[in-house]
């Protein structure tokens, strides 16, 4: 018989620690190889932790709620033979929907988030991100545009065979317009380098989608979104948001974003002033599409209208650049032919 200590593995993306949210095993339990033994939450994601050993649990070395450095021992397992660990398994992210009766035998007491009490991890993660965001000098520009033509296009796409069973919304067209317009305004797809005092432009667009989930605000991103067709982009947005709301976004999709879009219109508001995702130079905000009286050729008509806003990092993007970028996005949504002309 051997006793093996399992240490918190490297969670990737340079993360140095994680919070042990809950144990799924108790002392005395017999476990199998790759059995999920704990849930840990890093600054990027909540993941299941599989055991690299089969045997009996003899010690739980960390209390739920504790922050554990990568490499610190967390559990002792008595094994029948060799204590050599199996190759590391893929860590799988999950969320509230993964909760079930067998998930927790020991767990973190529910935080009431009242005065003086520690907020949940996802709230602290959002607070940390927004504090980091506030270090960048930010400004916002707005435009209100007639998107009746885009709404007509969406209606046709929804009835077309290629888009069957795929949700296409104003967000889809706004996202496609955003990633396309970046070719004319590459400065909005950049990161300000404090050390060199320069803006570093990214070769491709990793499009972050702000998603409101039961675990708080998440911003998973679509890699190389600028290379995707409208159909593939719509499919990717569908998959990304569904995964995020199910709480199963993995760490790679939560890191490496270069620009973000957020849709506050789904909450029934006309627009907003979004804050930058840290490390990014711009975020586009889409308000609600509503029918309003609008002047067309000197006459008042009822049109579908939306307000767009772009918040930008004023160290690497100036007001003219941001305004030109937003104007082009708005032009694409006002007349999809403009979007086609830039593809």
C-alpha atoms as a PDB file:
ATOM      1  CA  UNK A   1       0.000   0.000   0.000  1.00  0.00           C
ATOM      2  CA  UNK A   2       1.214   3.475  -0.818  1.00  0.00           C
ATOM      3  CA  UNK A   3      -0.077   6.868   0.153  1.00  0.00           C
ATOM      4  CA  UNK A   4      -0.106   9.440  -2.611  1.00  0.00           C
ATOM      5  CA  UNK A   5      -0.553  13.156  -2.251  1.00  0.00           C
ATOM      6  CA  UNK A   6      -2.430  14.866  -5.045  1.00  0.00           C
ATOM      7  CA  UNK A   7      -1.342  18.454  -5.587  1.00  0.00           C
ATOM      8  CA  UNK A   8      -3.409  21.179  -7.226  1.00  0.00           C
ATOM      9  CA  UNK A   9      -2.450  20.952 -10.905  1.00  0.00           C
ATOM     10  CA  UNK A  10      -1.570  23.777 -13.235  1.00  0.00           C
ATOM     11  CA  UNK A  11      -4.889  25.177 -14.443  1.00  0.00           C
ATOM     12  CA  UNK A  12      -3.264  26.888 -17.410  1.00  0.00           C
ATOM     13  CA  UNK A  13      -3.169  30.497 -18.624  1.00  0.00           C
ATOM     14  CA  UNK A  14      -0.543  31.354 -16.001  1.00  0.00           C
ATOM     15  CA  UNK A  15      -2.964  30.990 -13.103  1.00  0.00           C
ATOM     16  CA  UNK A  16      -1.145  30.462  -9.814  1.00  0.00           C
ATOM     17  CA  UNK A  17      -3.974  29.556  -7.469  1.00  0.00           C
ATOM     18  CA  UNK A  18      -7.613  28.540  -7.260  1.00  0.00           C
ATOM     19  CA  UNK A  19     -10.366  28.349  -4.694  1.00  0.00           C
ATOM     20  CA  UNK A  20     -11.434  24.887  -3.605  1.00  0.00           C
ATOM     21  CA  UNK A  21     -15.188  25.271  -3.852  1.00  0.00           C
ATOM     22  CA  UNK A  22     -16.282  21.833  -2.677  1.00  0.00           C
ATOM     23  CA  UNK A  23     -15.213  18.244  -2.140  1.00  0.00           C
ATOM     24  CA  UNK A  24     -17.151  15.482  -3.831  1.00  0.00           C
ATOM     25  CA  UNK A  25     -15.535  12.795  -1.695  1.00  0.00           C
ATOM     26  CA  UNK A  26     -15.053  12.133   1.997  1.00  0.00           C
ATOM     27  CA  UNK A  27     -12.352  10.426   4.027  1.00  0.00           C
ATOM     28  CA  UNK A  28     -12.832   6.674   3.725  1.00  0.00           C
ATOM     29  CA  UNK A  29     -14.327   6.798   0.229  1.00  0.00           C
ATOM     30  CA  UNK A  30     -12.955   4.462  -2.394  1.00  0.00           C
ATOM     31  CA  UNK A  31     -12.391   6.334  -5.636  1.00  0.00           C
ATOM     32  CA  UNK A  32     -11.539   5.345  -9.176  1.00  0.00           C
ATOM     33  CA  UNK A  33      -9.080   6.800 -11.630  1.00  0.00           C
ATOM     34  CA  UNK A  34     -10.332  10.086 -13.116  1.00  0.00           C
ATOM     35  CA  UNK A  35     -13.259  10.251 -10.699  1.00  0.00           C
ATOM     36  CA  UNK A  36     -14.151  13.874 -10.020  1.00  0.00           C
ATOM     37  CA  UNK A  37     -13.096  14.572  -6.459  1.00  0.00           C
ATOM     38  CA  UNK A  38     -13.475  18.337  -6.123  1.00  0.00           C
ATOM     39  CA  UNK A  39     -14.660  21.555  -7.716  1.00  0.00           C
ATOM     40  CA  UNK A  40     -12.168  24.404  -7.976  1.00  0.00           C
ATOM     41  CA  UNK A  41     -12.673  27.925  -9.216  1.00  0.00           C
ATOM     42  CA  UNK A  42      -9.894  30.035 -10.607  1.00  0.00           C
ATOM     43  CA  UNK A  43      -9.954  33.626 -11.750  1.00  0.00           C
ATOM     44  CA  UNK A  44     -11.046  32.318 -15.145  1.00  0.00           C
ATOM     45  CA  UNK A  45     -13.421  29.430 -14.676  1.00  0.00           C
ATOM     46  CA  UNK A  46     -15.032  26.825 -12.465  1.00  0.00           C
ATOM     47  CA  UNK A  47     -13.723  23.339 -13.192  1.00  0.00           C
ATOM     48  CA  UNK A  48     -14.048  19.757 -12.078  1.00  0.00           C
ATOM     49  CA  UNK A  49     -10.903  18.160 -10.678  1.00  0.00           C
ATOM     50  CA  UNK A  50     -10.401  14.476 -11.561  1.00  0.00           C
ATOM     51  CA  UNK A  51      -8.224  12.169  -9.462  1.00  0.00           C
ATOM     52  CA  UNK A  52      -5.031  10.810 -11.022  1.00  0.00           C
ATOM     53  CA  UNK A  53      -5.128   7.929  -8.501  1.00  0.00           C
ATOM     54  CA  UNK A  54      -7.452   5.053  -7.671  1.00  0.00           C
ATOM     55  CA  UNK A  55      -7.685   4.084  -4.013  1.00  0.00           C
ATOM     56  CA  UNK A  56      -9.099   5.190  -0.687  1.00  0.00           C
ATOM     57  CA  UNK A  57      -9.231   8.778   0.525  1.00  0.00           C
ATOM     58  CA  UNK A  58      -7.322   9.106   3.794  1.00  0.00           C
ATOM     59  CA  UNK A  59      -7.049  12.895   4.222  1.00  0.00           C
ATOM     60  CA  UNK A  60      -8.674  16.031   2.835  1.00  0.00           C
ATOM     61  CA  UNK A  61      -5.959  18.635   3.330  1.00  0.00           C
ATOM     62  CA  UNK A  62      -7.859  21.765   2.296  1.00  0.00           C
ATOM     63  CA  UNK A  63     -11.110  23.173   3.591  1.00  0.00           C
ATOM     64  CA  UNK A  64     -13.742  24.298   1.085  1.00  0.00           C
ATOM     65  CA  UNK A  65     -13.484  28.016   0.506  1.00  0.00           C
ATOM     66  CA  UNK A  66      -9.700  28.087   0.864  1.00  0.00           C
ATOM     67  CA  UNK A  67      -7.465  29.553  -1.834  1.00  0.00           C
ATOM     68  CA  UNK A  68      -4.854  26.973  -2.815  1.00  0.00           C
ATOM     69  CA  UNK A  69      -1.578  27.687  -4.642  1.00  0.00           C
ATOM     70  CA  UNK A  70      -0.845  25.547  -7.691  1.00  0.00           C
ATOM     71  CA  UNK A  71       1.330  22.636  -6.527  1.00  0.00           C
ATOM     72  CA  UNK A  72       0.028  22.538  -2.955  1.00  0.00           C
ATOM     73  CA  UNK A  73      -1.161  19.115  -1.707  1.00  0.00           C
ATOM     74  CA  UNK A  74      -4.924  18.923  -1.337  1.00  0.00           C
ATOM     75  CA  UNK A  75      -5.744  15.246  -0.723  1.00  0.00           C
ATOM     76  CA  UNK A  76      -4.059  11.965   0.341  1.00  0.00           C
ATOM     77  CA  UNK A  77      -5.110   8.714  -1.272  1.00  0.00           C
ATOM     78  CA  UNK A  78      -3.988   5.230  -0.305  1.00  0.00           C
ATOM     79  CA  UNK A  79      -3.325   3.249  -3.438  1.00  0.00           C
ATOM     80  CA  UNK A  80      -3.014  -0.486  -3.888  1.00  0.00           C
ATOM     81  CA  UNK A  81       0.245  -0.485  -5.787  1.00  0.00           C
ATOM     82  CA  UNK A  82       2.245   2.216  -7.466  1.00  0.00           C
ATOM     83  CA  UNK A  83       1.537   5.771  -6.360  1.00  0.00           C
ATOM     84  CA  UNK A  84       2.601   7.132  -9.732  1.00  0.00           C
ATOM     85  CA  UNK A  85      -0.164   9.462 -10.919  1.00  0.00           C
ATOM     86  CA  UNK A  86      -1.958   8.927 -14.195  1.00  0.00           C
ATOM     87  CA  UNK A  87      -1.439  11.539 -16.917  1.00  0.00           C
ATOM     88  CA  UNK A  88      -3.472  14.635 -16.166  1.00  0.00           C
ATOM     89  CA  UNK A  89      -7.025  14.619 -17.487  1.00  0.00           C
ATOM     90  CA  UNK A  90      -8.708  17.506 -19.235  1.00  0.00           C
ATOM     91  CA  UNK A  91     -10.222  19.900 -16.731  1.00  0.00           C
ATOM     92  CA  UNK A  92     -13.861  20.541 -17.479  1.00  0.00           C
ATOM     93  CA  UNK A  93     -15.627  23.740 -16.599  1.00  0.00           C
ATOM     94  CA  UNK A  94     -19.200  23.672 -15.355  1.00  0.00           C
ATOM     95  CA  UNK A  95     -21.821  25.766 -13.659  1.00  0.00           C
ATOM     96  CA  UNK A  96     -24.981  25.588 -11.584  1.00  0.00           C
ATOM     97  CA  UNK A  97     -26.724  23.307 -14.065  1.00  0.00           C
ATOM     98  CA  UNK A  98     -24.122  20.657 -13.290  1.00  0.00           C
ATOM     99  CA  UNK A  99     -25.180  20.645  -9.672  1.00  0.00           C
ATOM    100  CA  UNK A 100     -26.908  17.480  -8.577  1.00  0.00           C
ATOM    101  CA  UNK A 101     -27.525  15.644  -5.392  1.00  0.00           C
ATOM    102  CA  UNK A 102     -24.315  13.663  -5.548  1.00  0.00           C
ATOM    103  CA  UNK A 103     -22.140  16.636  -6.307  1.00  0.00           C
ATOM    104  CA  UNK A 104     -21.349  17.830  -2.831  1.00  0.00           C
ATOM    105  CA  UNK A 105     -20.779  16.019   0.339  1.00  0.00           C
ATOM    106  CA  UNK A 106     -18.932  18.960   1.803  1.00  0.00           C
ATOM    107  CA  UNK A 107     -19.454  22.431   0.501  1.00  0.00           C
ATOM    108  CA  UNK A 108     -18.874  26.079   1.073  1.00  0.00           C
ATOM    109  CA  UNK A 109     -21.593  27.640   3.206  1.00  0.00           C
ATOM    110  CA  UNK A 110     -23.837  29.798   1.035  1.00  0.00           C
ATOM    111  CA  UNK A 111     -22.676  33.383   1.100  1.00  0.00           C
ATOM    112  CA  UNK A 112     -25.419  35.877   1.814  1.00  0.00           C
ATOM    113  CA  UNK A 113     -23.381  38.717   0.275  1.00  0.00           C
ATOM    114  CA  UNK A 114     -24.491  41.059   3.034  1.00  0.00           C
ATOM    115  CA  UNK A 115     -22.430  43.853   4.515  1.00  0.00           C
ATOM    116  CA  UNK A 116     -19.184  42.550   5.943  1.00  0.00           C
ATOM    117  CA  UNK A 117     -19.443  39.145   4.270  1.00  0.00           C
ATOM    118  CA  UNK A 118     -17.289  37.915   1.441  1.00  0.00           C
ATOM    119  CA  UNK A 119     -19.009  38.037  -1.941  1.00  0.00           C
ATOM    120  CA  UNK A 120     -19.171  34.913  -4.127  1.00  0.00           C
ATOM    121  CA  UNK A 121     -16.109  34.179  -6.219  1.00  0.00           C
ATOM    122  CA  UNK A 122     -17.720  35.200  -9.507  1.00  0.00           C
ATOM    123  CA  UNK A 123     -18.725  38.552  -8.016  1.00  0.00           C
ATOM    124  CA  UNK A 124     -15.198  39.145  -6.743  1.00  0.00           C
ATOM    125  CA  UNK A 125     -13.875  38.126 -10.155  1.00  0.00           C
ATOM    126  CA  UNK A 126     -16.120  40.686 -11.842  1.00  0.00           C
ATOM    127  CA  UNK A 127     -15.108  43.333  -9.305  1.00  0.00           C
ATOM    128  CA  UNK A 128     -11.442  42.629  -9.973  1.00  0.00           C
ATOM    129  CA  UNK A 129     -11.943  42.828 -13.739  1.00  0.00           C
ATOM    130  CA  UNK A 130     -13.837  46.111 -13.516  1.00  0.00           C
ATOM    131  CA  UNK A 131     -11.187  47.573 -11.215  1.00  0.00           C
ATOM    132  CA  UNK A 132      -8.548  46.615 -13.759  1.00  0.00           C
ATOM    133  CA  UNK A 133     -10.706  48.100 -16.503  1.00  0.00           C
ATOM    134  CA  UNK A 134     -10.931  51.414 -14.645  1.00  0.00           C
ATOM    135  CA  UNK A 135      -7.144  51.819 -14.907  1.00  0.00           C
ATOM    136  CA  UNK A 136      -7.584  52.568 -18.610  1.00  0.00           C
ATOM    137  CA  UNK A 137      -8.761  56.082 -19.512  1.00  0.00           C
ATOM    138  CA  UNK A 138     -12.037  55.425 -21.290  1.00  0.00           C
ATOM    139  CA  UNK A 139     -14.431  57.450 -23.399  1.00  0.00           C
ATOM    140  CA  UNK A 140     -17.672  56.564 -25.153  1.00  0.00           C
ATOM    141  CA  UNK A 141     -19.347  57.659 -28.379  1.00  0.00           C
ATOM    142  CA  UNK A 142     -22.950  57.001 -29.406  1.00  0.00           C
ATOM    143  CA  UNK A 143     -25.009  56.789 -32.564  1.00  0.00           C
ATOM    144  CA  UNK A 144     -28.690  56.036 -33.156  1.00  0.00           C
ATOM    145  CA  UNK A 145     -29.470  54.395 -36.459  1.00  0.00           C
ATOM    146  CA  UNK A 146     -32.396  53.102 -38.530  1.00  0.00           C
ATOM    147  CA  UNK A 147     -31.906  49.315 -38.812  1.00  0.00           C
ATOM    148  CA  UNK A 148     -35.148  48.482 -40.603  1.00  0.00           C
ATOM    149  CA  UNK A 149     -33.232  46.963 -43.519  1.00  0.00           C
ATOM    150  CA  UNK A 150     -31.259  44.729 -41.141  1.00  0.00           C
ATOM    151  CA  UNK A 151     -34.440  43.567 -39.446  1.00  0.00           C
ATOM    152  CA  UNK A 152     -35.892  42.698 -42.865  1.00  0.00           C
ATOM    153  CA  UNK A 153     -32.721  40.776 -43.683  1.00  0.00           C
ATOM    154  CA  UNK A 154     -32.910  38.865 -40.389  1.00  0.00           C
ATOM    155  CA  UNK A 155     -36.499  37.866 -41.156  1.00  0.00           C
ATOM    156  CA  UNK A 156     -35.371  36.417 -44.502  1.00  0.00           C
ATOM    157  CA  UNK A 157     -32.404  34.612 -42.972  1.00  0.00           C
ATOM    158  CA  UNK A 158     -34.593  32.991 -40.310  1.00  0.00           C
ATOM    159  CA  UNK A 159     -36.724  31.483 -43.068  1.00  0.00           C
ATOM    160  CA  UNK A 160     -33.770  30.270 -45.127  1.00  0.00           C
ATOM    161  CA  UNK A 161     -32.525  26.696 -45.137  1.00  0.00           C
ATOM    162  CA  UNK A 162     -28.901  27.435 -44.124  1.00  0.00           C
ATOM    163  CA  UNK A 163     -30.052  29.196 -40.934  1.00  0.00           C
ATOM    164  CA  UNK A 164     -32.597  26.575 -39.952  1.00  0.00           C
ATOM    165  CA  UNK A 165     -32.359  25.911 -36.187  1.00  0.00           C
ATOM    166  CA  UNK A 166     -29.807  28.711 -35.799  1.00  0.00           C
ATOM    167  CA  UNK A 167     -30.751  31.833 -33.893  1.00  0.00           C
ATOM    168  CA  UNK A 168     -29.942  34.974 -35.872  1.00  0.00           C
ATOM    169  CA  UNK A 169     -30.567  38.228 -34.051  1.00  0.00           C
ATOM    170  CA  UNK A 170     -29.545  41.880 -34.224  1.00  0.00           C
ATOM    171  CA  UNK A 171     -26.531  40.810 -32.147  1.00  0.00           C
ATOM    172  CA  UNK A 172     -25.473  38.463 -34.955  1.00  0.00           C
ATOM    173  CA  UNK A 173     -25.465  41.232 -37.561  1.00  0.00           C
ATOM    174  CA  UNK A 174     -23.882  43.697 -35.149  1.00  0.00           C
ATOM    175  CA  UNK A 175     -21.119  41.195 -34.385  1.00  0.00           C
ATOM    176  CA  UNK A 176     -20.508  40.562 -38.085  1.00  0.00           C
ATOM    177  CA  UNK A 177     -20.439  44.311 -38.728  1.00  0.00           C
ATOM    178  CA  UNK A 178     -18.029  44.842 -35.844  1.00  0.00           C
ATOM    179  CA  UNK A 179     -15.474  42.248 -36.923  1.00  0.00           C
ATOM    180  CA  UNK A 180     -15.733  43.441 -40.538  1.00  0.00           C
ATOM    181  CA  UNK A 181     -15.346  47.124 -39.684  1.00  0.00           C
ATOM    182  CA  UNK A 182     -12.160  46.368 -37.748  1.00  0.00           C
ATOM    183  CA  UNK A 183     -10.356  45.864 -41.058  1.00  0.00           C
ATOM    184  CA  UNK A 184     -10.821  49.619 -41.602  1.00  0.00           C
ATOM    185  CA  UNK A 185     -10.107  50.512 -37.956  1.00  0.00           C
ATOM    186  CA  UNK A 186      -7.499  48.028 -36.694  1.00  0.00           C
ATOM    187  CA  UNK A 187      -6.655  50.257 -33.721  1.00  0.00           C
ATOM    188  CA  UNK A 188      -9.855  49.186 -31.944  1.00  0.00           C
ATOM    189  CA  UNK A 189      -8.601  45.584 -32.006  1.00  0.00           C
ATOM    190  CA  UNK A 190      -5.485  46.245 -29.967  1.00  0.00           C
ATOM    191  CA  UNK A 191      -3.947  46.235 -26.513  1.00  0.00           C
ATOM    192  CA  UNK A 192      -2.150  49.155 -24.943  1.00  0.00           C
ATOM    193  CA  UNK A 193       1.392  48.165 -23.869  1.00  0.00           C
ATOM    194  CA  UNK A 194       2.249  50.292 -20.855  1.00  0.00           C
ATOM    195  CA  UNK A 195       5.944  49.430 -20.923  1.00  0.00           C
ATOM    196  CA  UNK A 196       6.552  50.357 -24.542  1.00  0.00           C
ATOM    197  CA  UNK A 197       3.990  53.131 -24.536  1.00  0.00           C
ATOM    198  CA  UNK A 198       2.411  51.828 -27.709  1.00  0.00           C
ATOM    199  CA  UNK A 199      -0.680  50.137 -28.996  1.00  0.00           C
ATOM    200  CA  UNK A 200      -0.220  46.533 -30.107  1.00  0.00           C
ATOM    201  CA  UNK A 201      -2.649  45.558 -32.868  1.00  0.00           C
ATOM    202  CA  UNK A 202      -3.880  41.971 -32.965  1.00  0.00           C
ATOM    203  CA  UNK A 203      -3.696  40.104 -36.289  1.00  0.00           C
ATOM    204  CA  UNK A 204      -7.125  38.520 -35.799  1.00  0.00           C
ATOM    205  CA  UNK A 205     -10.303  39.276 -33.891  1.00  0.00           C
ATOM    206  CA  UNK A 206     -11.120  37.144 -30.863  1.00  0.00           C
ATOM    207  CA  UNK A 207     -14.633  38.428 -30.320  1.00  0.00           C
ATOM    208  CA  UNK A 208     -15.811  38.468 -26.717  1.00  0.00           C
ATOM    209  CA  UNK A 209     -19.554  38.085 -26.130  1.00  0.00           C
ATOM    210  CA  UNK A 210     -20.780  39.431 -22.788  1.00  0.00           C
ATOM    211  CA  UNK A 211     -23.132  36.793 -21.367  1.00  0.00           C
ATOM    212  CA  UNK A 212     -25.275  37.170 -18.256  1.00  0.00           C
ATOM    213  CA  UNK A 213     -25.302  33.783 -16.549  1.00  0.00           C
ATOM    214  CA  UNK A 214     -26.382  32.398 -13.199  1.00  0.00           C
ATOM    215  CA  UNK A 215     -22.735  32.653 -12.171  1.00  0.00           C
ATOM    216  CA  UNK A 216     -22.555  36.323 -13.073  1.00  0.00           C
ATOM    217  CA  UNK A 217     -21.128  38.106 -16.075  1.00  0.00           C
ATOM    218  CA  UNK A 218     -18.972  36.005 -18.384  1.00  0.00           C
ATOM    219  CA  UNK A 219     -17.150  37.145 -21.521  1.00  0.00           C
ATOM    220  CA  UNK A 220     -16.174  34.062 -23.524  1.00  0.00           C
ATOM    221  CA  UNK A 221     -14.689  34.774 -26.922  1.00  0.00           C
ATOM    222  CA  UNK A 222     -14.822  33.395 -30.444  1.00  0.00           C
ATOM    223  CA  UNK A 223     -11.338  32.886 -31.833  1.00  0.00           C
ATOM    224  CA  UNK A 224     -10.572  34.410 -35.245  1.00  0.00           C
ATOM    225  CA  UNK A 225     -14.128  35.678 -35.585  1.00  0.00           C
ATOM    226  CA  UNK A 226     -13.036  37.908 -38.462  1.00  0.00           C
ATOM    227  CA  UNK A 227     -12.475  34.804 -40.596  1.00  0.00           C
ATOM    228  CA  UNK A 228     -15.984  33.399 -40.124  1.00  0.00           C
ATOM    229  CA  UNK A 229     -18.913  33.684 -42.496  1.00  0.00           C
ATOM    230  CA  UNK A 230     -22.161  35.109 -41.153  1.00  0.00           C
ATOM    231  CA  UNK A 231     -23.538  31.585 -40.844  1.00  0.00           C
ATOM    232  CA  UNK A 232     -20.495  30.285 -38.971  1.00  0.00           C
ATOM    233  CA  UNK A 233     -20.434  33.358 -36.749  1.00  0.00           C
ATOM    234  CA  UNK A 234     -24.115  32.872 -35.894  1.00  0.00           C
ATOM    235  CA  UNK A 235     -23.483  29.222 -35.118  1.00  0.00           C
ATOM    236  CA  UNK A 236     -20.476  30.130 -32.941  1.00  0.00           C
ATOM    237  CA  UNK A 237     -22.452  32.754 -31.004  1.00  0.00           C
ATOM    238  CA  UNK A 238     -25.232  30.220 -30.399  1.00  0.00           C
ATOM    239  CA  UNK A 239     -22.776  27.638 -29.097  1.00  0.00           C
ATOM    240  CA  UNK A 240     -20.755  30.099 -27.048  1.00  0.00           C
ATOM    241  CA  UNK A 241     -23.725  31.642 -25.255  1.00  0.00           C
ATOM    242  CA  UNK A 242     -25.394  28.292 -24.611  1.00  0.00           C
ATOM    243  CA  UNK A 243     -22.201  26.912 -23.136  1.00  0.00           C
ATOM    244  CA  UNK A 244     -21.686  29.985 -20.985  1.00  0.00           C
ATOM    245  CA  UNK A 245     -25.244  29.937 -19.636  1.00  0.00           C
ATOM    246  CA  UNK A 246     -24.846  26.244 -18.854  1.00  0.00           C
ATOM    247  CA  UNK A 247     -21.696  27.153 -16.957  1.00  0.00           C
ATOM    248  CA  UNK A 248     -19.455  24.951 -19.070  1.00  0.00           C
ATOM    249  CA  UNK A 249     -17.139  27.470 -20.705  1.00  0.00           C
ATOM    250  CA  UNK A 250     -13.553  26.298 -20.601  1.00  0.00           C
ATOM    251  CA  UNK A 251     -10.588  28.475 -19.730  1.00  0.00           C
ATOM    252  CA  UNK A 252      -9.295  28.980 -23.311  1.00  0.00           C
ATOM    253  CA  UNK A 253     -12.617  30.555 -24.315  1.00  0.00           C
ATOM    254  CA  UNK A 254     -12.487  32.887 -21.326  1.00  0.00           C
ATOM    255  CA  UNK A 255      -9.050  34.229 -22.165  1.00  0.00           C
ATOM    256  CA  UNK A 256      -7.427  35.881 -25.137  1.00  0.00           C
ATOM    257  CA  UNK A 257     -10.300  38.131 -26.201  1.00  0.00           C
ATOM    258  CA  UNK A 258      -9.313  41.177 -28.252  1.00  0.00           C
ATOM    259  CA  UNK A 259     -12.587  43.131 -28.535  1.00  0.00           C
ATOM    260  CA  UNK A 260     -16.046  42.668 -27.020  1.00  0.00           C
ATOM    261  CA  UNK A 261     -19.702  43.172 -27.884  1.00  0.00           C
ATOM    262  CA  UNK A 262     -22.453  43.412 -25.288  1.00  0.00           C
ATOM    263  CA  UNK A 263     -26.184  43.417 -25.880  1.00  0.00           C
ATOM    264  CA  UNK A 264     -28.004  45.325 -23.154  1.00  0.00           C
ATOM    265  CA  UNK A 265     -30.997  45.652 -25.467  1.00  0.00           C
ATOM    266  CA  UNK A 266     -32.156  42.183 -24.421  1.00  0.00           C
ATOM    267  CA  UNK A 267     -32.903  43.726 -21.027  1.00  0.00           C
ATOM    268  CA  UNK A 268     -35.162  46.334 -22.596  1.00  0.00           C
ATOM    269  CA  UNK A 269     -32.914  49.380 -22.304  1.00  0.00           C
ATOM    270  CA  UNK A 270     -32.014  51.743 -25.106  1.00  0.00           C
ATOM    271  CA  UNK A 271     -28.262  51.696 -24.557  1.00  0.00           C
ATOM    272  CA  UNK A 272     -25.443  52.051 -22.090  1.00  0.00           C
ATOM    273  CA  UNK A 273     -21.853  52.963 -21.391  1.00  0.00           C
ATOM    274  CA  UNK A 274     -19.962  49.652 -21.266  1.00  0.00           C
ATOM    275  CA  UNK A 275     -16.633  49.303 -19.487  1.00  0.00           C
ATOM    276  CA  UNK A 276     -13.678  47.817 -21.302  1.00  0.00           C
ATOM    277  CA  UNK A 277     -12.762  44.210 -20.829  1.00  0.00           C
ATOM    278  CA  UNK A 278      -9.222  44.522 -19.360  1.00  0.00           C
ATOM    279  CA  UNK A 279      -6.550  44.413 -22.027  1.00  0.00           C
ATOM    280  CA  UNK A 280      -8.903  45.371 -24.840  1.00  0.00           C
ATOM    281  CA  UNK A 281      -9.206  48.713 -26.622  1.00  0.00           C
ATOM    282  CA  UNK A 282     -12.927  48.728 -27.416  1.00  0.00           C
ATOM    283  CA  UNK A 283     -16.318  47.334 -26.547  1.00  0.00           C
ATOM    284  CA  UNK A 284     -19.457  47.781 -28.637  1.00  0.00           C
ATOM    285  CA  UNK A 285     -22.807  48.077 -26.865  1.00  0.00           C
ATOM    286  CA  UNK A 286     -26.066  47.215 -28.620  1.00  0.00           C
ATOM    287  CA  UNK A 287     -29.305  48.667 -27.259  1.00  0.00           C
ATOM    288  CA  UNK A 288     -32.867  47.518 -27.787  1.00  0.00           C
ATOM    289  CA  UNK A 289     -34.292  47.640 -31.308  1.00  0.00           C
ATOM    290  CA  UNK A 290     -37.574  49.511 -31.074  1.00  0.00           C
ATOM    291  CA  UNK A 291     -40.039  51.015 -33.525  1.00  0.00           C
ATOM    292  CA  UNK A 292     -39.853  54.800 -33.422  1.00  0.00           C
ATOM    293  CA  UNK A 293     -40.944  57.740 -35.582  1.00  0.00           C
ATOM    294  CA  UNK A 294     -38.071  58.494 -37.948  1.00  0.00           C
ATOM    295  CA  UNK A 295     -37.577  61.093 -40.663  1.00  0.00           C
ATOM    296  CA  UNK A 296     -37.169  59.460 -44.093  1.00  0.00           C
ATOM    297  CA  UNK A 297     -36.919  61.731 -47.148  1.00  0.00           C
ATOM    298  CA  UNK A 298     -38.586  64.544 -45.231  1.00  0.00           C
ATOM    299  CA  UNK A 299     -41.474  62.400 -44.003  1.00  0.00           C
ATOM    300  CA  UNK A 300     -42.038  60.769 -40.631  1.00  0.00           C
ATOM    301  CA  UNK A 301     -42.224  56.991 -40.800  1.00  0.00           C
ATOM    302  CA  UNK A 302     -42.244  54.200 -38.245  1.00  0.00           C
ATOM    303  CA  UNK A 303     -38.846  52.538 -38.426  1.00  0.00           C
ATOM    304  CA  UNK A 304     -36.820  50.023 -36.407  1.00  0.00           C
ATOM    305  CA  UNK A 305     -34.184  52.025 -34.568  1.00  0.00           C
ATOM    306  CA  UNK A 306     -31.301  51.124 -32.270  1.00  0.00           C
ATOM    307  CA  UNK A 307     -28.682  53.023 -30.300  1.00  0.00           C
ATOM    308  CA  UNK A 308     -25.078  51.824 -30.499  1.00  0.00           C
ATOM    309  CA  UNK A 309     -22.192  52.940 -28.328  1.00  0.00           C
ATOM    310  CA  UNK A 310     -18.486  52.216 -28.293  1.00  0.00           C
ATOM    311  CA  UNK A 311     -16.275  52.645 -25.264  1.00  0.00           C
ATOM    312  CA  UNK A 312     -12.605  52.852 -26.171  1.00  0.00           C
ATOM    313  CA  UNK A 313      -9.204  52.995 -24.517  1.00  0.00           C
ATOM    314  CA  UNK A 314      -8.174  56.585 -25.102  1.00  0.00           C
ATOM    315  CA  UNK A 315      -4.476  55.737 -24.845  1.00  0.00           C
ATOM    316  CA  UNK A 316      -4.501  53.865 -28.139  1.00  0.00           C
ATOM    317  CA  UNK A 317      -7.672  55.091 -29.820  1.00  0.00           C
ATOM    318  CA  UNK A 318      -8.675  58.714 -30.278  1.00  0.00           C
ATOM    319  CA  UNK A 319     -12.152  60.124 -30.607  1.00  0.00           C
ATOM    320  CA  UNK A 320     -12.041  60.428 -34.385  1.00  0.00           C
ATOM    321  CA  UNK A 321     -10.984  56.798 -34.807  1.00  0.00           C
ATOM    322  CA  UNK A 322     -13.676  55.561 -32.448  1.00  0.00           C
ATOM    323  CA  UNK A 323     -16.342  57.692 -34.134  1.00  0.00           C
ATOM    324  CA  UNK A 324     -15.322  56.525 -37.615  1.00  0.00           C
ATOM    325  CA  UNK A 325     -15.399  52.910 -36.485  1.00  0.00           C
ATOM    326  CA  UNK A 326     -18.828  53.266 -34.890  1.00  0.00           C
ATOM    327  CA  UNK A 327     -20.154  55.141 -37.916  1.00  0.00           C
ATOM    328  CA  UNK A 328     -19.067  52.317 -40.202  1.00  0.00           C
ATOM    329  CA  UNK A 329     -20.706  49.686 -37.979  1.00  0.00           C
ATOM    330  CA  UNK A 330     -23.868  51.781 -37.957  1.00  0.00           C
ATOM    331  CA  UNK A 331     -23.766  52.172 -41.753  1.00  0.00           C
ATOM    332  CA  UNK A 332     -23.498  48.392 -42.149  1.00  0.00           C
ATOM    333  CA  UNK A 333     -26.526  47.874 -39.939  1.00  0.00           C
ATOM    334  CA  UNK A 334     -28.480  50.639 -41.650  1.00  0.00           C
ATOM    335  CA  UNK A 335     -27.768  49.174 -45.084  1.00  0.00           C
ATOM    336  CA  UNK A 336     -26.520  45.545 -45.215  1.00  0.00           C
ATOM    337  CA  UNK A 337     -25.188  46.291 -48.703  1.00  0.00           C
ATOM    338  CA  UNK A 338     -22.468  48.341 -46.996  1.00  0.00           C
ATOM    339  CA  UNK A 339     -21.559  45.262 -44.966  1.00  0.00           C
ATOM    340  CA  UNK A 340     -21.411  43.150 -48.110  1.00  0.00           C
ATOM    341  CA  UNK A 341     -19.196  45.747 -49.791  1.00  0.00           C
ATOM    342  CA  UNK A 342     -16.610  45.349 -47.009  1.00  0.00           C
ATOM    343  CA  UNK A 343     -16.513  41.532 -46.971  1.00  0.00           C
END
